[in-house]
Protein backbone atom coordinates (compact mmCIF):
# COMPACT_ATOMS: atom_id res chain seq x y z
CA MET A 1 9.14 -11.12 -1.66
CA ASP A 2 6.68 -12.39 0.85
CA TRP A 3 6.48 -9.60 3.42
CA HIS A 4 4.09 -9.35 6.31
CA PRO A 5 4.39 -5.84 7.75
CA PRO A 6 2.91 -5.26 11.20
CA ALA A 7 -0.64 -3.91 11.27
CA THR A 8 -0.37 -0.31 12.36
CA LEU A 9 -2.78 2.57 12.42
CA ASP A 10 -0.07 5.13 11.70
CA LEU A 11 2.28 3.32 9.32
CA ALA A 12 2.01 1.66 5.91
CA VAL A 13 4.84 -0.32 4.35
CA SER A 14 4.82 -1.85 0.88
CA ALA A 15 7.28 -3.14 -1.68
CA ARG A 16 6.65 -1.46 -5.03
CA GLU A 17 6.93 -4.50 -7.27
CA THR A 18 5.41 -2.93 -10.40
CA LEU A 19 8.29 -0.59 -11.21
CA THR A 20 10.80 -0.42 -14.03
CA MET A 21 14.09 1.24 -13.10
CA ALA A 22 17.30 2.20 -14.84
CA SER A 23 20.36 4.09 -13.73
CA PHE A 24 22.07 6.37 -16.18
CA ALA A 25 25.12 8.59 -16.29
CA ALA A 26 26.24 11.24 -18.73
CA ILE A 27 29.11 10.44 -21.05
CA ARG A 28 31.96 12.88 -20.43
CA GLY A 29 31.29 16.13 -22.22
CA LYS A 30 27.63 15.23 -22.90
CA GLU A 31 26.09 16.48 -19.64
CA GLU A 32 24.15 19.36 -21.20
CA ALA A 33 22.98 17.22 -24.13
CA LEU A 34 21.69 14.67 -21.60
CA ARG A 35 19.86 17.34 -19.63
CA GLU A 36 18.27 18.68 -22.83
CA ALA A 37 17.18 15.18 -23.92
CA ILE A 38 15.48 14.57 -20.55
CA ARG A 39 13.87 18.02 -20.66
CA ALA A 40 12.56 17.41 -24.19
CA GLY A 41 11.48 13.80 -23.65
CA TYR A 42 10.06 13.95 -20.13
CA GLY A 43 9.55 17.60 -19.20
CA ALA A 44 11.91 17.35 -16.24
CA GLU A 45 15.02 19.21 -15.12
CA LEU A 46 17.57 16.70 -13.85
CA PRO A 47 18.71 17.76 -10.39
CA TYR A 48 22.31 18.86 -9.85
CA HIS A 49 22.20 17.79 -6.19
CA ALA A 50 20.48 15.22 -3.97
CA ALA A 51 16.88 15.68 -5.09
CA ARG A 52 13.96 13.89 -6.73
CA VAL A 53 12.03 15.37 -9.64
CA ALA A 54 8.96 14.14 -11.48
CA GLY A 55 8.59 14.21 -15.23
CA VAL A 56 5.82 12.99 -17.48
CA GLY A 57 5.20 9.42 -16.29
CA ILE A 58 8.63 9.11 -14.71
CA THR A 59 10.66 10.14 -11.66
CA PHE A 60 14.36 10.98 -11.60
CA VAL A 61 16.38 10.52 -8.42
CA TRP A 62 19.86 12.03 -8.12
CA ALA A 63 22.37 9.23 -7.46
CA GLY A 64 25.68 11.15 -7.64
CA PRO A 65 27.35 13.75 -9.85
CA ASN A 66 25.89 13.33 -13.36
CA GLN A 67 24.15 10.08 -12.31
CA TRP A 68 20.44 9.40 -11.79
CA LEU A 69 17.99 6.61 -11.13
CA ALA A 70 14.89 6.67 -13.34
CA VAL A 71 11.76 5.08 -11.86
CA ALA A 72 8.38 4.48 -13.52
CA GLU A 73 5.45 2.10 -13.42
CA ARG A 74 5.92 -0.95 -15.66
CA GLU A 75 2.53 -0.51 -17.35
CA ASN A 76 1.96 -1.92 -20.84
CA GLY A 77 5.34 -3.67 -20.73
CA ARG A 78 7.29 -0.43 -20.26
CA ASP A 79 11.05 -1.02 -19.99
CA LEU A 80 13.04 2.04 -18.90
CA GLU A 81 16.36 0.53 -19.89
CA ALA A 82 15.28 0.11 -23.52
CA GLU A 83 13.42 3.42 -23.55
CA LEU A 84 16.33 5.42 -22.14
CA LYS A 85 18.95 3.66 -24.26
CA GLU A 86 17.04 4.78 -27.34
CA GLN A 87 16.39 8.31 -26.05
CA LEU A 88 19.93 8.85 -24.71
CA ALA A 89 22.00 7.05 -27.36
CA GLY A 90 25.46 8.55 -27.58
CA ILE A 91 25.03 10.84 -24.58
CA ALA A 92 24.58 8.51 -21.58
CA SER A 93 25.23 5.01 -20.38
CA VAL A 94 22.08 3.23 -19.17
CA VAL A 95 21.85 0.13 -16.95
CA ASP A 96 18.68 -1.74 -15.97
CA GLN A 97 17.99 -1.82 -12.22
CA SER A 98 14.52 -3.40 -12.26
CA ASP A 99 15.57 -6.86 -11.11
CA GLY A 100 18.51 -5.75 -8.99
CA ARG A 101 16.73 -3.21 -6.81
CA VAL A 102 13.46 -2.90 -4.97
CA VAL A 103 11.70 0.26 -3.85
CA VAL A 104 10.01 0.15 -0.45
CA ARG A 105 7.39 2.76 0.44
CA ILE A 106 7.06 3.78 4.10
CA SER A 107 4.27 6.24 4.89
CA GLY A 108 2.10 7.60 7.64
CA PRO A 109 2.44 9.64 10.82
CA ARG A 110 4.96 7.17 12.33
CA ALA A 111 7.13 6.72 9.21
CA ARG A 112 9.67 9.30 10.35
CA ASP A 113 9.87 7.75 13.85
CA VAL A 114 10.43 4.26 12.47
CA LEU A 115 13.09 5.36 9.97
CA ALA A 116 14.89 7.42 12.62
CA LYS A 117 15.71 4.18 14.46
CA GLY A 118 18.18 3.11 11.76
CA VAL A 119 18.72 5.93 9.26
CA PRO A 120 21.53 8.28 10.38
CA ILE A 121 20.18 11.48 8.83
CA ASP A 122 17.96 14.22 10.19
CA LEU A 123 14.44 13.51 8.93
CA HIS A 124 12.85 16.49 10.72
CA PRO A 125 10.61 18.40 8.28
CA ARG A 126 12.95 21.42 8.45
CA ALA A 127 15.90 19.28 7.33
CA PHE A 128 14.39 16.70 4.95
CA LYS A 129 11.39 17.65 2.83
CA PRO A 130 9.44 16.32 -0.15
CA GLY A 131 11.84 16.12 -3.09
CA ASP A 132 14.90 15.60 -0.89
CA VAL A 133 17.17 12.58 -1.46
CA ALA A 134 19.87 10.98 0.67
CA ILE A 135 22.31 8.24 -0.22
CA THR A 136 22.65 6.64 3.17
CA HIS A 137 21.99 3.39 5.02
CA ALA A 138 19.29 1.86 7.17
CA SER A 139 20.63 -0.47 9.82
CA HIS A 140 23.84 -0.93 7.78
CA ILE A 141 22.00 -1.60 4.50
CA GLY A 142 22.81 0.87 1.71
CA ILE A 143 19.77 2.77 0.45
CA ILE A 144 18.78 5.76 -1.61
CA LEU A 145 16.03 7.45 0.41
CA TRP A 146 13.66 10.13 -0.85
CA GLN A 147 10.58 11.85 0.52
CA THR A 148 7.59 12.14 -1.80
CA ASP A 149 5.08 14.14 0.28
CA ASP A 150 4.31 15.68 3.67
CA ALA A 151 2.23 12.70 4.95
CA PRO A 152 5.18 11.85 5.25
CA THR A 153 5.83 9.24 2.59
CA TYR A 154 9.34 7.97 1.96
CA GLU A 155 10.68 5.56 -0.60
CA ALA A 156 13.90 3.62 -0.23
CA ALA A 157 15.67 1.95 -3.15
CA LEU A 158 17.94 -0.89 -2.12
CA PHE A 159 19.56 -3.94 -3.61
CA ARG A 160 16.97 -6.69 -3.80
CA SER A 161 19.30 -9.19 -2.11
CA TYR A 162 19.03 -7.10 1.07
CA ALA A 163 15.25 -6.73 0.97
CA ASP A 164 14.50 -9.39 3.58
CA SER A 165 17.11 -8.00 5.98
CA PHE A 166 15.74 -4.50 5.44
CA ALA A 167 12.19 -5.74 6.05
CA HIS A 168 13.24 -7.51 9.24
CA TRP A 169 14.82 -4.31 10.58
CA LEU A 170 11.89 -2.15 9.42
CA PHE A 171 9.21 -4.38 10.91
CA GLU A 172 11.09 -4.70 14.22
CA SER A 173 11.46 -0.92 14.30
CA ALA A 174 7.72 -0.53 13.68
CA ALA A 175 6.66 -3.14 16.24
CA GLU A 176 6.07 -0.65 19.06
CA TYR A 177 3.46 1.09 16.90
CA ALA A 178 1.63 -2.12 15.95
CA SER A 179 -2.07 -2.15 16.61
CA THR A 180 -4.10 -5.02 17.91
CA ARG A 181 -6.92 -4.66 15.35
């Protein structure tokens, strides 16, 4: 992707191109075994509801009942699909998402204002906090949105084929905050 976000003093936008991602779902009757395997392997408690949790070198994002998206840096050739298939053999189905999805990071004091122009959920700090997740849309593009900190910093996972449309909407929404540096 060749993005050129507007230069703003209060907003940073970047595509996180160095990630490995895999979605996984528990095989019927293996939900607790899956949770135990993730706890043992990554030190994380898989969320039962729309939330994001960090484990050792990995993040898990709730993507539906007994379904999650695993996200990690692709350092040293790390491949979450292969890693999770080995770790979760017989208890979960695992599908690579690294080439099919992109994660976009939106951060800074104006991030909430920009997202509010096209995301139909309440992003007020009382309603959406670090660790919260929403399966929603941004300007009619399906996304999984989560908040990572109070800066605020948000990350949106979306199908890569919609990345340019998402960027167009995002950059247009941010235009009023563009600086003239």
